[in-house]
């Protein structure tokens, strides 16, 4: 990864069997500044492998006894001929190489967006919304004040306490982030629209986001994602457990598939969308018409 100072870092975790506790444990091992620890000018496979071997040697660990390697799918790590995994296999032939299952699930979900272009746009709008508030304390203050005002008027759903929440960042390679971003957008949609309306005169980004997000299509898609993504998040969390039992993964996958199929025939996302639109309309916050075709499209997605 690259940190905020643009230094390329190699983060290493280690999983091992502890005889004393008779348990498999996963611990943080180190963070290495790749280019500072080598003569190379690039974080290529040779450099990463050298840094990895050097660190294990410093800790008195024999690299030839490494049993497995889990990584993202970058070619520098898992390249068949010259990746770090291939170099490790050359000195430890029995090593088991795994492309992180959570990362693969996230990539599969992201790739499915290419067939549903508008969902990809929704994700990009949520990311831009996060940037709008994250990089401006003044805009964040306006958003927080709007949230408090709407909490007093009970216009934000499921809010029992008068607290403010930040918008979450949606990122394709962070497997639970899109679910969090969609959930925060659904919970704070009235406050988001009201804030963007206040900022649109002085901020072109706010005006653009308001134009795209204050529509029936955006809101309906948001509610579809709000119904679907938690099912995928449950699968990702199952894969992320420190101890994974393969006998439990298949029922988890089967349950997720069944839940998604049930959503295809269920009208719950449609009903939630209608309820939200009705509440917005009752409080004069609905600034768009809802064509019948939008509801019909939700039923067929």
Protein backbone atom coordinates (compact mmCIF):
# COMPACT_ATOMS: atom_id res chain seq x y z
CA UNK A 1 0.00 0.00 0.00
CA UNK A 2 0.95 3.66 -0.31
CA UNK A 3 0.56 5.87 2.78
CA UNK A 4 -0.41 9.54 2.96
CA UNK A 5 3.20 10.60 2.40
CA UNK A 6 3.29 8.53 -0.83
CA UNK A 7 5.75 6.05 0.69
CA UNK A 8 5.18 2.49 -0.42
CA UNK A 9 4.69 0.24 2.59
CA UNK A 10 4.58 -3.53 2.95
CA UNK A 11 2.26 -4.66 5.74
CA UNK A 12 2.82 -8.17 7.07
CA UNK A 13 0.59 -10.25 9.31
CA UNK A 14 1.55 -13.74 10.45
CA UNK A 15 -0.65 -16.72 11.29
CA UNK A 16 0.80 -19.52 13.39
CA UNK A 17 -0.09 -22.39 15.69
CA UNK A 18 0.58 -21.77 19.37
CA UNK A 19 1.41 -24.98 21.23
CA UNK A 20 0.82 -23.44 24.66
CA UNK A 21 -2.77 -22.37 23.92
CA UNK A 22 -3.32 -25.04 21.25
CA UNK A 23 -4.84 -22.36 19.04
CA UNK A 24 -4.17 -20.82 15.63
CA UNK A 25 -3.41 -17.11 16.06
CA UNK A 26 -3.06 -14.19 13.65
CA UNK A 27 -0.82 -11.30 14.72
CA UNK A 28 0.49 -8.09 13.21
CA UNK A 29 4.16 -8.59 12.33
CA UNK A 30 5.49 -5.37 10.81
CA UNK A 31 5.21 -2.42 8.45
CA UNK A 32 8.19 -2.01 6.18
CA UNK A 33 8.99 1.03 4.07
CA UNK A 34 9.82 -0.87 0.90
CA UNK A 35 12.19 1.52 -0.87
CA UNK A 36 14.01 2.55 2.33
CA UNK A 37 14.90 -1.06 3.03
CA UNK A 38 16.37 -1.86 -0.36
CA UNK A 39 18.50 -0.46 -3.15
CA UNK A 40 15.64 -0.78 -5.63
CA UNK A 41 13.79 2.25 -6.99
CA UNK A 42 10.56 0.31 -7.49
CA UNK A 43 8.27 -1.79 -5.29
CA UNK A 44 8.51 -4.74 -7.67
CA UNK A 45 8.28 -8.43 -6.81
CA UNK A 46 12.04 -8.80 -6.30
CA UNK A 47 12.11 -5.89 -3.86
CA UNK A 48 9.06 -7.05 -1.91
CA UNK A 49 10.39 -10.59 -1.64
CA UNK A 50 13.76 -9.32 -0.44
CA UNK A 51 12.12 -7.13 2.22
CA UNK A 52 9.93 -10.06 3.31
CA UNK A 53 12.88 -12.48 3.64
CA UNK A 54 15.03 -9.90 5.42
CA UNK A 55 12.33 -9.24 8.01
CA UNK A 56 11.81 -12.93 8.75
CA UNK A 57 15.57 -13.40 9.05
CA UNK A 58 15.80 -10.52 11.54
CA UNK A 59 13.16 -12.22 13.69
CA UNK A 60 14.88 -15.60 13.52
CA UNK A 61 12.18 -17.18 11.32
CA UNK A 62 13.11 -19.60 8.57
CA UNK A 63 11.51 -18.47 5.31
CA UNK A 64 11.66 -22.04 3.93
CA UNK A 65 9.20 -23.10 6.64
CA UNK A 66 6.48 -20.67 5.55
CA UNK A 67 3.35 -22.76 5.03
CA UNK A 68 1.13 -20.32 3.13
CA UNK A 69 0.81 -16.86 1.64
CA UNK A 70 -2.43 -14.86 1.43
CA UNK A 71 -2.47 -11.64 -0.56
CA UNK A 72 -4.49 -9.46 -2.88
CA UNK A 73 -4.50 -10.45 -6.54
CA UNK A 74 -1.92 -7.94 -7.77
CA UNK A 75 0.48 -9.46 -10.29
CA UNK A 76 3.44 -8.25 -8.25
CA UNK A 77 2.26 -10.56 -5.45
CA UNK A 78 0.64 -13.51 -7.25
CA UNK A 79 2.20 -13.35 -10.72
CA UNK A 80 2.67 -16.91 -11.96
CA UNK A 81 6.28 -16.52 -13.11
CA UNK A 82 7.89 -13.62 -11.25
CA UNK A 83 5.50 -12.63 -8.44
CA UNK A 84 6.38 -12.80 -4.75
CA UNK A 85 4.40 -16.06 -4.47
CA UNK A 86 6.39 -17.67 -7.32
CA UNK A 87 9.68 -16.65 -5.71
CA UNK A 88 8.53 -18.04 -2.38
CA UNK A 89 7.51 -21.33 -4.00
CA UNK A 90 10.98 -21.63 -5.50
CA UNK A 91 12.51 -21.97 -2.03
CA UNK A 92 9.48 -23.47 -0.23
CA UNK A 93 7.70 -25.73 -2.78
CA UNK A 94 4.99 -26.83 -0.34
CA UNK A 95 3.73 -23.29 0.35
CA UNK A 96 0.00 -22.76 -0.29
CA UNK A 97 -0.81 -19.49 -2.08
CA UNK A 98 -4.25 -17.91 -1.64
CA UNK A 99 -5.84 -14.85 -3.25
CA UNK A 100 -7.74 -13.25 -0.34
CA UNK A 101 -11.34 -14.48 -0.60
CA UNK A 102 -12.80 -11.21 0.74
CA UNK A 103 -10.85 -9.26 -1.87
CA UNK A 104 -12.10 -11.58 -4.62
CA UNK A 105 -15.69 -11.16 -3.41
CA UNK A 106 -15.29 -7.37 -3.47
CA UNK A 107 -13.81 -7.47 -6.98
CA UNK A 108 -16.62 -9.75 -8.20
CA UNK A 109 -19.22 -7.31 -6.86
CA UNK A 110 -17.37 -4.38 -8.41
CA UNK A 111 -17.09 -6.15 -11.78
CA UNK A 112 -20.83 -6.85 -11.79
CA UNK A 113 -21.32 -3.07 -11.80
CA UNK A 114 -19.97 -2.95 -15.35
CA UNK A 115 -23.19 -4.62 -16.50
CA UNK A 116 -25.26 -2.22 -14.40
CA UNK A 117 -23.69 1.11 -15.26
CA UNK A 118 -26.00 3.20 -13.10
CA UNK A 119 -25.05 1.32 -9.91
CA UNK A 120 -21.43 2.18 -10.65
CA UNK A 121 -22.48 5.82 -11.00
CA UNK A 122 -24.30 5.68 -7.64
CA UNK A 123 -21.10 4.42 -6.02
CA UNK A 124 -19.12 7.27 -7.58
CA UNK A 125 -21.69 9.82 -6.37
CA UNK A 126 -21.39 8.46 -2.82
CA UNK A 127 -17.60 8.71 -3.02
CA UNK A 128 -17.81 12.32 -4.23
CA UNK A 129 -20.27 13.08 -1.42
CA UNK A 130 -17.82 11.69 1.13
CA UNK A 131 -15.00 13.82 -0.34
CA UNK A 132 -17.20 16.92 -0.23
CA UNK A 133 -17.60 16.71 3.54
CA UNK A 134 -14.31 14.99 4.43
CA UNK A 135 -12.17 17.74 2.91
CA UNK A 136 -14.15 20.69 4.23
CA UNK A 137 -14.83 21.38 7.90
CA UNK A 138 -17.19 24.19 6.94
CA UNK A 139 -19.39 21.94 4.77
CA UNK A 140 -19.28 19.23 7.43
CA UNK A 141 -20.52 21.74 10.01
CA UNK A 142 -23.47 22.64 7.75
CA UNK A 143 -24.29 18.94 7.33
CA UNK A 144 -24.08 18.25 11.08
CA UNK A 145 -26.31 21.24 11.86
CA UNK A 146 -28.86 20.04 9.30
CA UNK A 147 -28.86 16.56 10.83
CA UNK A 148 -29.53 17.95 14.31
CA UNK A 149 -32.34 20.10 12.99
CA UNK A 150 -33.96 17.09 11.30
CA UNK A 151 -33.49 14.92 14.38
CA UNK A 152 -35.55 17.49 16.28
CA UNK A 153 -38.24 17.26 13.61
CA UNK A 154 -37.95 13.44 13.58
CA UNK A 155 -37.31 13.41 9.84
CA UNK A 156 -34.35 11.01 9.96
CA UNK A 157 -35.36 7.33 10.19
CA UNK A 158 -34.29 5.09 13.09
CA UNK A 159 -32.67 7.93 15.01
CA UNK A 160 -33.41 7.60 18.71
CA UNK A 161 -30.74 9.97 19.96
CA UNK A 162 -29.86 13.45 18.79
CA UNK A 163 -26.49 12.53 17.32
CA UNK A 164 -24.81 13.34 14.04
CA UNK A 165 -23.12 10.84 11.73
CA UNK A 166 -20.51 11.22 9.05
CA UNK A 167 -21.00 10.00 5.50
CA UNK A 168 -19.05 6.80 4.86
CA UNK A 169 -16.64 6.31 1.99
CA UNK A 170 -17.48 3.79 -0.74
CA UNK A 171 -14.43 1.99 -2.11
CA UNK A 172 -14.42 -1.00 -4.48
CA UNK A 173 -11.47 -2.77 -2.84
CA UNK A 174 -12.67 -2.29 0.74
CA UNK A 175 -15.27 -4.97 0.92
CA UNK A 176 -17.57 -3.58 3.61
CA UNK A 177 -17.27 0.11 2.70
CA UNK A 178 -19.97 0.28 0.02
CA UNK A 179 -22.54 -1.27 2.36
CA UNK A 180 -21.64 1.29 5.06
CA UNK A 181 -21.77 4.15 2.55
CA UNK A 182 -25.20 3.13 1.26
CA UNK A 183 -26.56 2.65 4.77
CA UNK A 184 -25.37 6.09 5.90
CA UNK A 185 -26.80 7.69 2.75
CA UNK A 186 -30.20 6.04 3.27
CA UNK A 187 -30.32 7.06 6.94
CA UNK A 188 -29.35 10.66 6.20
CA UNK A 189 -30.85 11.21 2.76
CA UNK A 190 -33.14 14.13 3.81
CA UNK A 191 -30.21 15.85 5.56
CA UNK A 192 -27.94 15.24 2.56
CA UNK A 193 -30.40 16.79 0.10
CA UNK A 194 -31.11 19.73 2.39
CA UNK A 195 -27.38 20.37 2.89
CA UNK A 196 -26.60 20.18 -0.83
CA UNK A 197 -29.48 22.60 -1.47
CA UNK A 198 -27.94 25.09 0.96
CA UNK A 199 -24.47 24.74 -0.56
CA UNK A 200 -25.35 24.65 -4.27
CA UNK A 201 -25.11 28.43 -4.83
CA UNK A 202 -21.49 28.62 -3.68
CA UNK A 203 -20.26 25.14 -4.56
CA UNK A 204 -20.40 23.62 -8.05
CA UNK A 205 -19.74 20.11 -6.69
CA UNK A 206 -22.73 20.39 -4.37
CA UNK A 207 -24.91 21.58 -7.23
CA UNK A 208 -23.79 18.66 -9.40
CA UNK A 209 -24.39 16.09 -6.65
CA UNK A 210 -27.81 17.58 -5.92
CA UNK A 211 -28.71 17.28 -9.59
CA UNK A 212 -27.76 13.57 -9.65
CA UNK A 213 -28.90 12.51 -6.18
CA UNK A 214 -32.20 14.38 -5.91
CA UNK A 215 -33.93 12.03 -8.35
CA UNK A 216 -36.29 9.08 -8.11
CA UNK A 217 -33.82 6.87 -9.95
CA UNK A 218 -31.00 7.53 -7.49
CA UNK A 219 -33.16 7.06 -4.39
CA UNK A 220 -34.77 3.86 -5.70
CA UNK A 221 -31.36 2.40 -6.59
CA UNK A 222 -30.11 3.34 -3.14
CA UNK A 223 -32.89 1.31 -1.54
CA UNK A 224 -32.18 -1.69 -3.77
CA UNK A 225 -28.51 -1.61 -2.72
CA UNK A 226 -29.60 -1.13 0.89
CA UNK A 227 -31.46 -4.45 0.65
CA UNK A 228 -28.80 -6.40 -1.28
CA UNK A 229 -25.45 -5.32 0.18
CA UNK A 230 -26.02 -6.53 3.79
CA UNK A 231 -26.42 -10.08 2.43
CA UNK A 232 -23.04 -9.82 0.70
CA UNK A 233 -21.50 -8.18 3.77
CA UNK A 234 -22.53 -11.19 5.89
CA UNK A 235 -20.63 -13.48 3.51
CA UNK A 236 -17.57 -11.22 3.63
CA UNK A 237 -17.65 -11.20 7.45
CA UNK A 238 -17.85 -14.99 7.49
CA UNK A 239 -14.70 -15.16 5.34
CA UNK A 240 -12.93 -12.66 7.60
CA UNK A 241 -13.25 -14.64 10.82
CA UNK A 242 -9.91 -15.46 12.38
CA UNK A 243 -10.84 -19.14 12.39
CA UNK A 244 -12.77 -20.25 9.33
CA UNK A 245 -14.59 -23.56 9.33
CA UNK A 246 -15.20 -24.70 5.75
CA UNK A 247 -18.16 -26.77 6.93
CA UNK A 248 -19.88 -23.51 7.92
CA UNK A 249 -19.05 -21.55 4.78
CA UNK A 250 -21.30 -23.52 2.42
CA UNK A 251 -24.44 -22.98 4.56
CA UNK A 252 -23.49 -19.28 4.75
CA UNK A 253 -23.19 -19.07 0.96
CA UNK A 254 -26.41 -21.02 0.44
CA UNK A 255 -28.21 -18.72 2.88
CA UNK A 256 -26.94 -15.62 1.06
CA UNK A 257 -28.04 -17.02 -2.33
CA UNK A 258 -31.48 -17.86 -0.94
CA UNK A 259 -31.83 -14.38 0.59
CA UNK A 260 -30.89 -12.71 -2.70
CA UNK A 261 -33.34 -14.87 -4.66
CA UNK A 262 -36.06 -13.99 -2.15
CA UNK A 263 -35.34 -10.30 -2.71
CA UNK A 264 -36.03 -10.80 -6.42
CA UNK A 265 -39.64 -11.71 -5.65
CA UNK A 266 -40.03 -9.56 -2.56
CA UNK A 267 -41.38 -6.03 -2.72
CA UNK A 268 -39.68 -4.89 0.48
CA UNK A 269 -37.18 -2.52 -1.28
CA UNK A 270 -40.09 -1.04 -3.24
CA UNK A 271 -42.16 -0.61 -0.09
CA UNK A 272 -39.29 1.02 1.80
CA UNK A 273 -38.67 3.36 -1.12
CA UNK A 274 -42.36 4.34 -1.24
CA UNK A 275 -42.44 4.94 2.54
CA UNK A 276 -39.33 7.13 2.36
CA UNK A 277 -40.70 9.11 -0.60
CA UNK A 278 -44.04 9.57 1.17
CA UNK A 279 -42.37 10.90 4.32
CA UNK A 280 -40.24 13.29 2.27
CA UNK A 281 -43.33 14.49 0.41
CA UNK A 282 -45.27 15.03 3.65
CA UNK A 283 -42.50 17.33 4.89
CA UNK A 284 -42.12 19.16 1.55
CA UNK A 285 -38.65 17.69 1.01
CA UNK A 286 -39.49 15.69 -2.11
CA UNK A 287 -38.34 17.81 -5.01
CA UNK A 288 -39.03 15.34 -7.82
CA UNK A 289 -41.86 13.31 -9.27
CA UNK A 290 -41.80 9.51 -9.04
CA UNK A 291 -42.75 8.03 -12.43
CA UNK A 292 -44.59 4.70 -12.38
CA UNK A 293 -41.85 3.19 -14.51
CA UNK A 294 -39.33 3.67 -11.65
CA UNK A 295 -41.36 1.42 -9.35
CA UNK A 296 -41.77 -1.12 -12.14
CA UNK A 297 -38.04 -1.11 -12.81
CA UNK A 298 -37.34 -1.72 -9.10
CA UNK A 299 -39.55 -4.81 -9.22
CA UNK A 300 -37.59 -6.26 -12.14
CA UNK A 301 -34.02 -5.47 -10.99
